[in-house]
Amino acid sequence: QGTLPEWGGKGTVEFLARRIQAVTFLERIEDSNSQRCIARWLIGMRCLENGDRDGAKQNFSACIETGYFYTAICHWASAFLARLERDPQWPRSIQQDKQNP
């Protein structure tokens, strides 16, 4: 029996399960725009979840820079990046969650 390719490349499941850090995740990515795009999107979302707006911006920018616009991920990264740059308080729900754990 064969195995299914891992969405986003090697390390995706471990990253999503919080078993590896972003640096390790990026080290496991093959030289593939699609895998880099997905990885940077996921890392950007993790940064956003943790209230790290600068990290989210950096990773969403890196996602867009891959030029892999064949999925919605780059488009979402572009929208999130524009919103982060336009509104320094966005997303408010994450700000509130961090203040009231």
N, C-alpha and C. Protein backbone atom coordinates (compact mmCIF):
# COMPACT_ATOMS: atom_id res chain seq x y z
N GLN A 1 0.83 -1.18 0.00
CA GLN A 1 0.00 0.00 0.00
C GLN A 1 0.87 1.24 0.00
N GLY A 2 0.48 2.22 -0.81
CA GLY A 2 1.21 3.48 -0.86
C GLY A 2 0.75 4.42 0.24
N THR A 3 1.47 5.50 0.36
CA THR A 3 1.08 6.51 1.34
C THR A 3 0.65 7.77 0.60
N LEU A 4 -0.22 8.51 1.19
CA LEU A 4 -0.66 9.76 0.60
C LEU A 4 0.39 10.83 0.87
N PRO A 5 0.63 11.71 -0.09
CA PRO A 5 1.56 12.81 0.16
C PRO A 5 0.99 13.73 1.23
N GLU A 6 1.87 14.26 2.04
CA GLU A 6 1.44 15.13 3.12
C GLU A 6 1.13 16.52 2.58
N TRP A 7 -0.06 17.05 2.87
CA TRP A 7 -0.46 18.37 2.41
C TRP A 7 0.50 19.39 2.98
N GLY A 8 1.12 20.17 2.13
CA GLY A 8 2.06 21.19 2.60
C GLY A 8 3.46 20.67 2.80
N GLY A 9 3.69 19.40 2.62
CA GLY A 9 5.03 18.87 2.75
C GLY A 9 5.29 18.18 4.08
N LYS A 10 6.51 17.71 4.21
CA LYS A 10 6.91 16.99 5.42
C LYS A 10 6.87 17.92 6.62
N GLY A 11 6.35 17.41 7.69
CA GLY A 11 6.31 18.19 8.92
C GLY A 11 5.01 18.92 9.16
N THR A 12 4.10 18.91 8.19
CA THR A 12 2.85 19.66 8.36
C THR A 12 2.05 19.15 9.56
N VAL A 13 1.87 17.85 9.63
CA VAL A 13 1.08 17.28 10.73
C VAL A 13 1.75 17.58 12.07
N GLU A 14 3.07 17.41 12.12
CA GLU A 14 3.78 17.68 13.38
C GLU A 14 3.67 19.15 13.79
N PHE A 15 3.74 20.05 12.81
CA PHE A 15 3.60 21.48 13.11
C PHE A 15 2.20 21.79 13.63
N LEU A 16 1.19 21.28 12.93
CA LEU A 16 -0.18 21.54 13.34
C LEU A 16 -0.48 20.94 14.72
N ALA A 17 0.18 19.83 15.03
CA ALA A 17 0.00 19.18 16.34
C ALA A 17 0.89 19.80 17.41
N ARG A 18 1.65 20.82 17.03
CA ARG A 18 2.55 21.53 17.95
C ARG A 18 3.70 20.66 18.47
N ARG A 19 4.10 19.69 17.65
CA ARG A 19 5.23 18.83 18.03
C ARG A 19 6.56 19.37 17.54
N ILE A 20 6.52 20.28 16.54
CA ILE A 20 7.74 20.92 16.05
C ILE A 20 7.49 22.42 15.91
N GLN A 21 8.56 23.17 15.97
CA GLN A 21 8.50 24.62 15.83
C GLN A 21 8.53 25.00 14.35
N ALA A 22 8.22 26.25 14.08
CA ALA A 22 8.18 26.76 12.70
C ALA A 22 9.52 26.59 11.99
N VAL A 23 10.61 26.82 12.70
CA VAL A 23 11.94 26.71 12.07
C VAL A 23 12.17 25.29 11.56
N THR A 24 11.83 24.31 12.37
CA THR A 24 11.99 22.91 11.98
C THR A 24 11.06 22.58 10.82
N PHE A 25 9.85 23.08 10.88
CA PHE A 25 8.89 22.87 9.81
C PHE A 25 9.44 23.38 8.48
N LEU A 26 9.98 24.60 8.49
CA LEU A 26 10.53 25.18 7.26
C LEU A 26 11.74 24.40 6.76
N GLU A 27 12.53 23.85 7.66
CA GLU A 27 13.69 23.04 7.26
C GLU A 27 13.27 21.78 6.52
N ARG A 28 12.10 21.26 6.83
CA ARG A 28 11.62 20.02 6.21
C ARG A 28 10.94 20.23 4.87
N ILE A 29 10.64 21.47 4.53
CA ILE A 29 9.94 21.76 3.28
C ILE A 29 10.87 21.53 2.10
N GLU A 30 10.35 20.86 1.10
CA GLU A 30 11.12 20.63 -0.12
C GLU A 30 11.17 21.93 -0.93
N ASP A 31 12.00 21.93 -1.95
CA ASP A 31 12.13 23.11 -2.80
C ASP A 31 10.92 23.17 -3.73
N SER A 32 9.80 23.60 -3.16
CA SER A 32 8.54 23.61 -3.89
C SER A 32 7.76 24.86 -3.48
N ASN A 33 7.37 25.65 -4.46
CA ASN A 33 6.59 26.86 -4.16
C ASN A 33 5.29 26.53 -3.46
N SER A 34 4.65 25.45 -3.87
CA SER A 34 3.37 25.10 -3.24
C SER A 34 3.57 24.76 -1.77
N GLN A 35 4.62 24.00 -1.46
CA GLN A 35 4.86 23.62 -0.06
C GLN A 35 5.29 24.83 0.77
N ARG A 36 6.12 25.70 0.20
CA ARG A 36 6.52 26.92 0.93
C ARG A 36 5.32 27.83 1.16
N CYS A 37 4.46 27.93 0.17
CA CYS A 37 3.26 28.76 0.29
C CYS A 37 2.38 28.26 1.45
N ILE A 38 2.10 26.99 1.45
CA ILE A 38 1.25 26.41 2.49
C ILE A 38 1.91 26.54 3.85
N ALA A 39 3.20 26.24 3.92
CA ALA A 39 3.91 26.32 5.21
C ALA A 39 3.89 27.74 5.76
N ARG A 40 4.17 28.72 4.92
CA ARG A 40 4.18 30.11 5.39
C ARG A 40 2.79 30.56 5.81
N TRP A 41 1.76 30.09 5.11
CA TRP A 41 0.39 30.41 5.50
C TRP A 41 0.09 29.84 6.89
N LEU A 42 0.43 28.56 7.09
CA LEU A 42 0.17 27.92 8.38
C LEU A 42 0.94 28.59 9.51
N ILE A 43 2.19 28.94 9.25
CA ILE A 43 3.00 29.62 10.27
C ILE A 43 2.41 31.00 10.55
N GLY A 44 1.99 31.71 9.51
CA GLY A 44 1.36 33.01 9.70
C GLY A 44 0.10 32.91 10.54
N MET A 45 -0.70 31.89 10.29
CA MET A 45 -1.91 31.69 11.08
C MET A 45 -1.56 31.38 12.54
N ARG A 46 -0.52 30.60 12.75
CA ARG A 46 -0.09 30.29 14.12
C ARG A 46 0.38 31.56 14.82
N CYS A 47 1.13 32.39 14.10
CA CYS A 47 1.58 33.67 14.67
C CYS A 47 0.38 34.54 15.05
N LEU A 48 -0.58 34.60 14.15
CA LEU A 48 -1.79 35.39 14.41
C LEU A 48 -2.53 34.87 15.63
N GLU A 49 -2.62 33.56 15.72
CA GLU A 49 -3.27 32.92 16.87
C GLU A 49 -2.58 33.31 18.18
N ASN A 50 -1.27 33.44 18.13
CA ASN A 50 -0.49 33.76 19.32
C ASN A 50 -0.36 35.26 19.56
N GLY A 51 -1.03 36.07 18.74
CA GLY A 51 -0.97 37.51 18.91
C GLY A 51 0.29 38.15 18.36
N ASP A 52 1.07 37.40 17.57
CA ASP A 52 2.32 37.90 16.98
C ASP A 52 2.01 38.48 15.61
N ARG A 53 1.55 39.72 15.59
CA ARG A 53 1.16 40.38 14.34
C ARG A 53 2.33 40.53 13.39
N ASP A 54 3.51 40.89 13.89
CA ASP A 54 4.68 41.05 13.01
C ASP A 54 5.08 39.73 12.38
N GLY A 55 5.06 38.65 13.16
CA GLY A 55 5.36 37.33 12.61
C GLY A 55 4.34 36.91 11.57
N ALA A 56 3.07 37.23 11.82
CA ALA A 56 2.01 36.91 10.85
C ALA A 56 2.25 37.68 9.55
N LYS A 57 2.55 38.97 9.67
CA LYS A 57 2.81 39.78 8.47
C LYS A 57 3.99 39.21 7.68
N GLN A 58 5.05 38.87 8.38
CA GLN A 58 6.25 38.34 7.71
C GLN A 58 5.93 37.05 6.96
N ASN A 59 5.20 36.16 7.60
CA ASN A 59 4.90 34.87 6.97
C ASN A 59 3.84 34.98 5.88
N PHE A 60 2.86 35.85 6.04
CA PHE A 60 1.90 36.06 4.96
C PHE A 60 2.59 36.68 3.75
N SER A 61 3.53 37.60 3.98
CA SER A 61 4.31 38.18 2.88
C SER A 61 5.12 37.11 2.17
N ALA A 62 5.77 36.24 2.96
CA ALA A 62 6.57 35.16 2.37
C ALA A 62 5.68 34.20 1.58
N CYS A 63 4.48 33.98 2.05
CA CYS A 63 3.52 33.13 1.34
C CYS A 63 3.22 33.74 -0.03
N ILE A 64 2.93 35.03 -0.05
CA ILE A 64 2.61 35.73 -1.29
C ILE A 64 3.81 35.73 -2.24
N GLU A 65 5.00 35.91 -1.69
CA GLU A 65 6.23 35.96 -2.50
C GLU A 65 6.52 34.66 -3.23
N THR A 66 5.92 33.54 -2.78
CA THR A 66 6.12 32.29 -3.51
C THR A 66 5.49 32.37 -4.90
N GLY A 67 4.50 33.24 -5.04
CA GLY A 67 3.82 33.36 -6.32
C GLY A 67 2.92 32.20 -6.65
N TYR A 68 2.62 31.37 -5.67
CA TYR A 68 1.80 30.18 -5.90
C TYR A 68 0.32 30.55 -5.71
N PHE A 69 -0.26 31.12 -6.76
CA PHE A 69 -1.64 31.59 -6.69
C PHE A 69 -2.64 30.58 -7.26
N TYR A 70 -2.27 29.30 -7.26
CA TYR A 70 -3.14 28.27 -7.81
C TYR A 70 -4.14 27.75 -6.79
N THR A 71 -3.99 28.17 -5.54
CA THR A 71 -4.97 27.85 -4.50
C THR A 71 -5.39 29.16 -3.87
N ALA A 72 -6.37 29.10 -3.02
CA ALA A 72 -6.87 30.30 -2.35
C ALA A 72 -5.91 30.79 -1.27
N ILE A 73 -4.93 30.00 -0.89
CA ILE A 73 -4.06 30.34 0.24
C ILE A 73 -3.34 31.66 0.04
N CYS A 74 -2.72 31.88 -1.10
CA CYS A 74 -2.03 33.15 -1.35
C CYS A 74 -3.01 34.32 -1.33
N HIS A 75 -4.19 34.10 -1.83
CA HIS A 75 -5.20 35.15 -1.83
C HIS A 75 -5.63 35.49 -0.40
N TRP A 76 -5.80 34.46 0.42
CA TRP A 76 -6.13 34.69 1.83
C TRP A 76 -4.98 35.42 2.53
N ALA A 77 -3.76 35.00 2.25
CA ALA A 77 -2.59 35.66 2.86
C ALA A 77 -2.57 37.14 2.49
N SER A 78 -2.86 37.44 1.25
CA SER A 78 -2.90 38.82 0.78
C SER A 78 -3.98 39.61 1.52
N ALA A 79 -5.15 39.03 1.68
CA ALA A 79 -6.25 39.70 2.37
C ALA A 79 -5.92 39.92 3.85
N PHE A 80 -5.35 38.90 4.49
CA PHE A 80 -4.99 39.02 5.91
C PHE A 80 -3.90 40.06 6.10
N LEU A 81 -2.92 40.06 5.21
CA LEU A 81 -1.83 41.03 5.30
C LEU A 81 -2.36 42.45 5.15
N ALA A 82 -3.23 42.68 4.18
CA ALA A 82 -3.81 44.01 3.98
C ALA A 82 -4.60 44.45 5.22
N ARG A 83 -5.33 43.55 5.80
CA ARG A 83 -6.11 43.89 6.99
C ARG A 83 -5.20 44.19 8.18
N LEU A 84 -4.15 43.40 8.36
CA LEU A 84 -3.19 43.64 9.44
C LEU A 84 -2.54 45.01 9.30
N GLU A 85 -2.21 45.37 8.08
CA GLU A 85 -1.54 46.65 7.84
C GLU A 85 -2.51 47.83 7.99
N ARG A 86 -3.77 47.62 7.70
CA ARG A 86 -4.76 48.68 7.76
C ARG A 86 -5.28 48.92 9.18
N ASP A 87 -5.36 47.87 9.99
CA ASP A 87 -5.98 47.98 11.31
C ASP A 87 -5.05 47.40 12.37
N PRO A 88 -4.38 48.25 13.15
CA PRO A 88 -3.42 47.76 14.15
C PRO A 88 -4.06 46.99 15.30
N GLN A 89 -5.38 47.01 15.41
CA GLN A 89 -6.07 46.27 16.47
C GLN A 89 -6.67 44.95 15.99
N TRP A 90 -6.53 44.67 14.69
CA TRP A 90 -7.15 43.46 14.15
C TRP A 90 -6.24 42.26 14.33
N PRO A 91 -6.76 41.14 14.65
CA PRO A 91 -8.14 40.79 14.97
C PRO A 91 -8.42 41.00 16.47
N ARG A 92 -9.46 41.70 16.75
CA ARG A 92 -9.80 42.05 18.14
C ARG A 92 -10.09 40.84 19.01
N SER A 93 -10.68 39.81 18.45
CA SER A 93 -11.01 38.62 19.26
C SER A 93 -9.75 37.98 19.83
N ILE A 94 -8.68 37.98 19.06
CA ILE A 94 -7.43 37.40 19.57
C ILE A 94 -6.86 38.29 20.66
N GLN A 95 -6.95 39.59 20.49
CA GLN A 95 -6.48 40.52 21.51
C GLN A 95 -7.24 40.27 22.81
N GLN A 96 -8.54 40.10 22.72
CA GLN A 96 -9.35 39.88 23.91
C GLN A 96 -9.03 38.54 24.55
N ASP A 97 -8.87 37.51 23.74
CA ASP A 97 -8.56 36.18 24.28
C ASP A 97 -7.23 36.21 25.04
N LYS A 98 -6.25 36.94 24.53
CA LYS A 98 -4.94 37.00 25.17
C LYS A 98 -5.02 37.76 26.51
N GLN A 99 -5.96 38.70 26.61
CA GLN A 99 -6.11 39.45 27.85
C GLN A 99 -6.92 38.69 28.90
N ASN A 100 -7.79 37.80 28.45
CA ASN A 100 -8.65 37.03 29.36
C ASN A 100 -8.50 35.54 29.10
N PRO A 101 -7.36 34.98 29.49
CA PRO A 101 -7.14 33.55 29.18
C PRO A 101 -8.10 32.62 29.89
